[in-house]
Amino acid sequence: MQDDDPIRILKQETLCADGFELKKIRFSQRRRDGAVQEETREVYFNGGGAAVLLYNPAKRAVLLTRQFRIGARLAGHDGFVIEVPAGMLDDADPGERARAELCEETGFRGHGLRKVIEFFPNPSSLTETVHCYLGEYGERDRKNIGGGKREEGEDIEVLEIDVDDALRRVKEGGIQDAKTVILLQFLREELQQRNCAPL
């Protein structure tokens, strides 16, 4: 740690290590006015993830999924969330993980994948960074029926949705998953640049 670093980690305590680690972190922060304060936060060390949105130019459709998410249910949603295919990196290359999750969840391989953004979904309490990709698909890219891995408890419905409808659902609250909203906005910008602007 450099002497000019305003943050100093004072103590780390593991609260739970079932899967990823949940730690209590005590740190000091030198404020901009020079005063030093101490804070304690709980941080979930859940690694990184990769997400991918595929677009079909011929159909003007996107490939999404719907699956149950307990966090959304506990927050008052019904828990069945529409989102892009995604998964934890588990030490894999983000691009490789995006392609693997895509095929497992939707049954499509896709082509022309390119990374568009990397972001922190909740930097105050997660260490996770999400790597986001856009790509295209057609029927020739179908490899299987998708649906996820049953042995991992996945029961994933594959959705092919008109891109204008998907963007409308974002505005109306039908799509609330952050990585999905971000990727749909990136796709919208690309389509506008191609002069086929959706809503």
C-alpha atoms as a PDB file:
ATOM      1  CA  MET A   1       0.000   0.000   0.000  1.00  0.00           C
ATOM      2  CA  GLN A   2       1.314   3.449  -0.907  1.00  0.00           C
ATOM      3  CA  ASP A   3       1.669   6.137   1.753  1.00  0.00           C
ATOM      4  CA  ASP A   4      -0.658   8.427  -0.193  1.00  0.00           C
ATOM      5  CA  ASP A   5      -3.441   5.809  -0.225  1.00  0.00           C
ATOM      6  CA  PRO A   6      -6.311   7.268   1.853  1.00  0.00           C
ATOM      7  CA  ILE A   7      -7.669   3.786   2.648  1.00  0.00           C
ATOM      8  CA  ARG A   8      -6.137   1.361   5.128  1.00  0.00           C
ATOM      9  CA  ILE A   9      -7.618  -2.101   5.779  1.00  0.00           C
ATOM     10  CA  LEU A  10      -7.471  -2.673   9.533  1.00  0.00           C
ATOM     11  CA  LYS A  11      -9.156  -6.053  10.003  1.00  0.00           C
ATOM     12  CA  GLN A  12     -10.921  -8.758   7.972  1.00  0.00           C
ATOM     13  CA  GLU A  13     -13.154 -11.345   9.624  1.00  0.00           C
ATOM     14  CA  THR A  14     -14.804 -14.198   7.694  1.00  0.00           C
ATOM     15  CA  LEU A  15     -18.460 -14.464   8.718  1.00  0.00           C
ATOM     16  CA  CYS A  16     -19.415 -17.237   6.293  1.00  0.00           C
ATOM     17  CA  ALA A  17     -17.569 -19.301   3.689  1.00  0.00           C
ATOM     18  CA  ASP A  18     -20.416 -21.367   2.231  1.00  0.00           C
ATOM     19  CA  GLY A  19     -19.614 -20.967  -1.460  1.00  0.00           C
ATOM     20  CA  PHE A  20     -18.225 -17.439  -1.606  1.00  0.00           C
ATOM     21  CA  GLU A  21     -16.924 -15.625   1.459  1.00  0.00           C
ATOM     22  CA  LEU A  22     -18.843 -13.016   3.424  1.00  0.00           C
ATOM     23  CA  LYS A  23     -16.401 -10.874   5.396  1.00  0.00           C
ATOM     24  CA  LYS A  24     -16.634  -8.081   7.906  1.00  0.00           C
ATOM     25  CA  ILE A  25     -14.092  -5.439   6.926  1.00  0.00           C
ATOM     26  CA  ARG A  26     -12.858  -2.669   9.232  1.00  0.00           C
ATOM     27  CA  PHE A  27     -10.993   0.101   7.435  1.00  0.00           C
ATOM     28  CA  SER A  28      -9.872   3.659   7.954  1.00  0.00           C
ATOM     29  CA  GLN A  29     -10.368   6.425   5.437  1.00  0.00           C
ATOM     30  CA  ARG A  30      -8.509   9.707   5.334  1.00  0.00           C
ATOM     31  CA  ARG A  31     -11.135  12.221   4.291  1.00  0.00           C
ATOM     32  CA  ARG A  32     -10.492  15.008   1.800  1.00  0.00           C
ATOM     33  CA  ASP A  33     -10.217  17.489   4.702  1.00  0.00           C
ATOM     34  CA  GLY A  34      -7.447  15.348   6.271  1.00  0.00           C
ATOM     35  CA  ALA A  35      -9.532  13.851   9.094  1.00  0.00           C
ATOM     36  CA  VAL A  36      -9.389  10.059   9.517  1.00  0.00           C
ATOM     37  CA  GLN A  37     -12.521   7.991  10.113  1.00  0.00           C
ATOM     38  CA  GLU A  38     -13.062   4.268  10.678  1.00  0.00           C
ATOM     39  CA  GLU A  39     -15.862   2.267   9.105  1.00  0.00           C
ATOM     40  CA  THR A  40     -17.031  -1.360   9.227  1.00  0.00           C
ATOM     41  CA  ARG A  41     -18.798  -3.005   6.286  1.00  0.00           C
ATOM     42  CA  GLU A  42     -19.855  -6.520   5.323  1.00  0.00           C
ATOM     43  CA  VAL A  43     -18.573  -7.477   1.873  1.00  0.00           C
ATOM     44  CA  TYR A  44     -19.478 -10.519  -0.194  1.00  0.00           C
ATOM     45  CA  PHE A  45     -16.425 -11.832  -2.098  1.00  0.00           C
ATOM     46  CA  ASN A  46     -18.327 -13.350  -5.003  1.00  0.00           C
ATOM     47  CA  GLY A  47     -15.812 -13.012  -7.812  1.00  0.00           C
ATOM     48  CA  GLY A  48     -16.715 -11.817 -11.278  1.00  0.00           C
ATOM     49  CA  GLY A  49     -19.310 -12.671 -13.863  1.00  0.00           C
ATOM     50  CA  ALA A  50     -19.968 -12.534 -17.588  1.00  0.00           C
ATOM     51  CA  ALA A  51     -23.198 -11.680 -19.403  1.00  0.00           C
ATOM     52  CA  VAL A  52     -24.136 -11.680 -23.083  1.00  0.00           C
ATOM     53  CA  LEU A  53     -27.003 -10.321 -25.177  1.00  0.00           C
ATOM     54  CA  LEU A  54     -27.605 -11.796 -28.626  1.00  0.00           C
ATOM     55  CA  TYR A  55     -29.485  -9.962 -31.376  1.00  0.00           C
ATOM     56  CA  ASN A  56     -31.016 -11.450 -34.520  1.00  0.00           C
ATOM     57  CA  PRO A  57     -30.969  -8.780 -37.285  1.00  0.00           C
ATOM     58  CA  ALA A  58     -33.351 -10.697 -39.561  1.00  0.00           C
ATOM     59  CA  LYS A  59     -36.009 -11.014 -36.842  1.00  0.00           C
ATOM     60  CA  ARG A  60     -35.076  -7.829 -34.932  1.00  0.00           C
ATOM     61  CA  ALA A  61     -35.252  -9.986 -31.827  1.00  0.00           C
ATOM     62  CA  VAL A  62     -33.119 -10.574 -28.734  1.00  0.00           C
ATOM     63  CA  LEU A  63     -32.497 -13.800 -26.861  1.00  0.00           C
ATOM     64  CA  LEU A  64     -33.329 -13.562 -23.142  1.00  0.00           C
ATOM     65  CA  THR A  65     -34.097 -15.965 -20.318  1.00  0.00           C
ATOM     66  CA  ARG A  66     -36.541 -16.162 -17.422  1.00  0.00           C
ATOM     67  CA  GLN A  67     -35.610 -17.908 -14.203  1.00  0.00           C
ATOM     68  CA  PHE A  68     -36.401 -17.768 -10.504  1.00  0.00           C
ATOM     69  CA  ARG A  69     -34.186 -15.521  -8.348  1.00  0.00           C
ATOM     70  CA  ILE A  70     -34.687 -15.725  -4.574  1.00  0.00           C
ATOM     71  CA  GLY A  71     -33.227 -12.243  -3.961  1.00  0.00           C
ATOM     72  CA  ALA A  72     -35.852 -10.677  -6.207  1.00  0.00           C
ATOM     73  CA  ARG A  73     -38.624 -12.630  -4.429  1.00  0.00           C
ATOM     74  CA  LEU A  74     -37.411 -11.449  -1.021  1.00  0.00           C
ATOM     75  CA  ALA A  75     -37.398  -7.863  -2.355  1.00  0.00           C
ATOM     76  CA  GLY A  76     -41.123  -8.098  -3.198  1.00  0.00           C
ATOM     77  CA  HIS A  77     -40.960  -9.214  -6.859  1.00  0.00           C
ATOM     78  CA  ASP A  78     -42.486 -12.550  -7.886  1.00  0.00           C
ATOM     79  CA  GLY A  79     -38.890 -13.720  -8.389  1.00  0.00           C
ATOM     80  CA  PHE A  80     -39.175 -14.812 -12.032  1.00  0.00           C
ATOM     81  CA  VAL A  81     -36.678 -12.447 -13.615  1.00  0.00           C
ATOM     82  CA  ILE A  82     -36.139 -11.754 -17.324  1.00  0.00           C
ATOM     83  CA  GLU A  83     -32.424 -11.411 -17.977  1.00  0.00           C
ATOM     84  CA  VAL A  84     -29.558 -12.031 -20.362  1.00  0.00           C
ATOM     85  CA  PRO A  85     -27.614 -15.311 -20.103  1.00  0.00           C
ATOM     86  CA  ALA A  86     -24.884 -14.894 -17.487  1.00  0.00           C
ATOM     87  CA  GLY A  87     -22.742 -16.749 -15.002  1.00  0.00           C
ATOM     88  CA  MET A  88     -19.895 -16.495 -12.522  1.00  0.00           C
ATOM     89  CA  LEU A  89     -16.399 -16.642 -13.978  1.00  0.00           C
ATOM     90  CA  ASP A  90     -15.031 -19.393 -11.708  1.00  0.00           C
ATOM     91  CA  ASP A  91     -11.502 -18.388 -12.823  1.00  0.00           C
ATOM     92  CA  ALA A  92     -12.410 -18.723 -16.521  1.00  0.00           C
ATOM     93  CA  ASP A  93     -11.770 -16.105 -19.200  1.00  0.00           C
ATOM     94  CA  PRO A  94     -14.824 -13.777 -19.306  1.00  0.00           C
ATOM     95  CA  GLY A  95     -15.372 -14.318 -23.047  1.00  0.00           C
ATOM     96  CA  GLU A  96     -15.184 -18.096 -22.672  1.00  0.00           C
ATOM     97  CA  ARG A  97     -17.576 -18.008 -19.704  1.00  0.00           C
ATOM     98  CA  ALA A  98     -20.029 -15.830 -21.661  1.00  0.00           C
ATOM     99  CA  ARG A  99     -20.034 -18.320 -24.565  1.00  0.00           C
ATOM    100  CA  ALA A 100     -20.444 -21.316 -22.253  1.00  0.00           C
ATOM    101  CA  GLU A 101     -23.331 -19.769 -20.301  1.00  0.00           C
ATOM    102  CA  LEU A 102     -24.987 -18.702 -23.535  1.00  0.00           C
ATOM    103  CA  CYS A 103     -25.059 -22.245 -24.857  1.00  0.00           C
ATOM    104  CA  GLU A 104     -26.048 -23.814 -21.513  1.00  0.00           C
ATOM    105  CA  GLU A 105     -28.906 -21.400 -20.909  1.00  0.00           C
ATOM    106  CA  THR A 106     -30.288 -20.705 -24.402  1.00  0.00           C
ATOM    107  CA  GLY A 107     -28.951 -23.514 -26.578  1.00  0.00           C
ATOM    108  CA  PHE A 108     -27.386 -20.976 -28.968  1.00  0.00           C
ATOM    109  CA  ARG A 109     -23.694 -20.406 -29.634  1.00  0.00           C
ATOM    110  CA  GLY A 110     -23.943 -16.957 -31.196  1.00  0.00           C
ATOM    111  CA  HIS A 111     -21.273 -15.171 -33.239  1.00  0.00           C
ATOM    112  CA  GLY A 112     -19.515 -11.817 -33.391  1.00  0.00           C
ATOM    113  CA  LEU A 113     -19.278 -11.504 -29.620  1.00  0.00           C
ATOM    114  CA  ARG A 114     -17.589  -8.303 -28.469  1.00  0.00           C
ATOM    115  CA  LYS A 115     -17.123  -6.839 -25.029  1.00  0.00           C
ATOM    116  CA  VAL A 116     -18.932  -3.528 -24.527  1.00  0.00           C
ATOM    117  CA  ILE A 117     -18.616  -2.738 -20.821  1.00  0.00           C
ATOM    118  CA  GLU A 118     -17.388  -3.959 -17.447  1.00  0.00           C
ATOM    119  CA  PHE A 119     -19.145  -2.686 -14.309  1.00  0.00           C
ATOM    120  CA  PHE A 120     -19.592  -3.131 -10.548  1.00  0.00           C
ATOM    121  CA  PRO A 121     -23.237  -4.064  -9.780  1.00  0.00           C
ATOM    122  CA  ASN A 122     -22.926  -3.028  -6.118  1.00  0.00           C
ATOM    123  CA  PRO A 123     -19.444  -1.734  -5.188  1.00  0.00           C
ATOM    124  CA  SER A 124     -20.376  -1.030  -1.563  1.00  0.00           C
ATOM    125  CA  SER A 125     -20.977  -4.674  -0.632  1.00  0.00           C
ATOM    126  CA  LEU A 126     -19.831  -6.927  -3.523  1.00  0.00           C
ATOM    127  CA  THR A 127     -16.416  -7.541  -5.062  1.00  0.00           C
ATOM    128  CA  GLU A 128     -18.118  -8.684  -8.277  1.00  0.00           C
ATOM    129  CA  THR A 129     -17.278  -7.192 -11.671  1.00  0.00           C
ATOM    130  CA  VAL A 130     -19.600  -8.060 -14.579  1.00  0.00           C
ATOM    131  CA  HIS A 131     -18.111  -8.343 -18.099  1.00  0.00           C
ATOM    132  CA  CYS A 132     -20.812  -7.639 -20.714  1.00  0.00           C
ATOM    133  CA  TYR A 133     -20.879  -8.768 -24.343  1.00  0.00           C
ATOM    134  CA  LEU A 134     -23.050  -8.169 -27.387  1.00  0.00           C
ATOM    135  CA  GLY A 135     -23.316 -10.576 -30.315  1.00  0.00           C
ATOM    136  CA  GLU A 136     -25.670 -11.923 -32.953  1.00  0.00           C
ATOM    137  CA  TYR A 137     -27.453 -15.194 -33.586  1.00  0.00           C
ATOM    138  CA  GLY A 138     -29.432 -17.037 -36.200  1.00  0.00           C
ATOM    139  CA  GLU A 139     -30.900 -20.523 -36.490  1.00  0.00           C
ATOM    140  CA  ARG A 140     -27.532 -21.887 -37.643  1.00  0.00           C
ATOM    141  CA  ASP A 141     -26.185 -21.001 -34.184  1.00  0.00           C
ATOM    142  CA  ARG A 142     -28.588 -23.326 -32.350  1.00  0.00           C
ATOM    143  CA  LYS A 143     -26.769 -26.227 -30.666  1.00  0.00           C
ATOM    144  CA  ASN A 144     -29.343 -27.581 -28.184  1.00  0.00           C
ATOM    145  CA  ILE A 145     -32.591 -26.630 -26.418  1.00  0.00           C
ATOM    146  CA  GLY A 146     -30.911 -24.766 -23.553  1.00  0.00           C
ATOM    147  CA  GLY A 147     -32.633 -24.485 -20.188  1.00  0.00           C
ATOM    148  CA  GLY A 148     -29.539 -24.581 -17.980  1.00  0.00           C
ATOM    149  CA  LYS A 149     -28.046 -27.363 -15.901  1.00  0.00           C
ATOM    150  CA  ARG A 150     -30.623 -29.369 -13.976  1.00  0.00           C
ATOM    151  CA  GLU A 151     -27.929 -30.643 -11.585  1.00  0.00           C
ATOM    152  CA  GLU A 152     -27.277 -27.011 -10.584  1.00  0.00           C
ATOM    153  CA  GLY A 153     -30.982 -26.417  -9.936  1.00  0.00           C
ATOM    154  CA  GLU A 154     -31.471 -24.349 -13.093  1.00  0.00           C
ATOM    155  CA  ASP A 155     -34.900 -24.272 -14.737  1.00  0.00           C
ATOM    156  CA  ILE A 156     -34.459 -21.611 -17.414  1.00  0.00           C
ATOM    157  CA  GLU A 157     -37.097 -20.542 -19.924  1.00  0.00           C
ATOM    158  CA  VAL A 158     -35.651 -19.235 -23.199  1.00  0.00           C
ATOM    159  CA  LEU A 159     -37.361 -16.117 -24.574  1.00  0.00           C
ATOM    160  CA  GLU A 160     -37.028 -14.671 -28.062  1.00  0.00           C
ATOM    161  CA  ILE A 161     -38.399 -11.126 -27.789  1.00  0.00           C
ATOM    162  CA  ASP A 162     -38.784  -8.361 -30.358  1.00  0.00           C
ATOM    163  CA  VAL A 163     -36.155  -5.734 -29.541  1.00  0.00           C
ATOM    164  CA  ASP A 164     -38.710  -2.896 -29.425  1.00  0.00           C
ATOM    165  CA  ASP A 165     -40.824  -4.939 -27.015  1.00  0.00           C
ATOM    166  CA  ALA A 166     -37.785  -5.647 -24.821  1.00  0.00           C
ATOM    167  CA  LEU A 167     -36.945  -1.932 -24.610  1.00  0.00           C
ATOM    168  CA  ARG A 168     -40.589  -1.139 -23.852  1.00  0.00           C
ATOM    169  CA  ARG A 169     -40.506  -3.676 -21.010  1.00  0.00           C
ATOM    170  CA  VAL A 170     -37.476  -1.890 -19.556  1.00  0.00           C
ATOM    171  CA  LYS A 171     -39.403   1.407 -19.528  1.00  0.00           C
ATOM    172  CA  GLU A 172     -42.485  -0.222 -18.017  1.00  0.00           C
ATOM    173  CA  GLY A 173     -40.605  -2.197 -15.346  1.00  0.00           C
ATOM    174  CA  GLY A 174     -41.035  -5.629 -16.906  1.00  0.00           C
ATOM    175  CA  ILE A 175     -37.264  -6.011 -17.223  1.00  0.00           C
ATOM    176  CA  GLN A 176     -35.423  -4.862 -14.088  1.00  0.00           C
ATOM    177  CA  ASP A 177     -32.180  -6.847 -14.096  1.00  0.00           C
ATOM    178  CA  ALA A 178     -29.280  -4.341 -14.220  1.00  0.00           C
ATOM    179  CA  LYS A 179     -26.982  -6.192 -16.640  1.00  0.00           C
ATOM    180  CA  THR A 180     -29.898  -6.773 -18.998  1.00  0.00           C
ATOM    181  CA  VAL A 181     -30.984  -3.130 -18.937  1.00  0.00           C
ATOM    182  CA  ILE A 182     -27.385  -2.021 -19.591  1.00  0.00           C
ATOM    183  CA  LEU A 183     -26.894  -4.411 -22.508  1.00  0.00           C
ATOM    184  CA  LEU A 184     -30.242  -3.491 -24.072  1.00  0.00           C
ATOM    185  CA  GLN A 185     -29.249   0.176 -23.932  1.00  0.00           C
ATOM    186  CA  PHE A 186     -25.943  -0.617 -25.649  1.00  0.00           C
ATOM    187  CA  LEU A 187     -27.826  -2.541 -28.332  1.00  0.00           C
ATOM    188  CA  ARG A 188     -30.262   0.337 -28.766  1.00  0.00           C
ATOM    189  CA  GLU A 189     -27.365   2.730 -29.399  1.00  0.00           C
ATOM    190  CA  GLU A 190     -25.847   0.354 -31.964  1.00  0.00           C
ATOM    191  CA  LEU A 191     -29.142  -0.019 -33.785  1.00  0.00           C
ATOM    192  CA  GLN A 192     -29.632   3.738 -33.859  1.00  0.00           C
ATOM    193  CA  GLN A 193     -26.190   4.082 -35.422  1.00  0.00           C
ATOM    194  CA  ARG A 194     -27.235   1.567 -38.081  1.00  0.00           C
ATOM    195  CA  ASN A 195     -30.356   3.662 -38.803  1.00  0.00           C
ATOM    196  CA  CYS A 196     -32.755   0.989 -37.579  1.00  0.00           C
ATOM    197  CA  ALA A 197     -33.587   2.709 -34.337  1.00  0.00           C
ATOM    198  CA  PRO A 198     -36.062   0.926 -32.054  1.00  0.00           C
ATOM    199  CA  LEU A 199     -38.150   2.752 -29.445  1.00  0.00           C
END
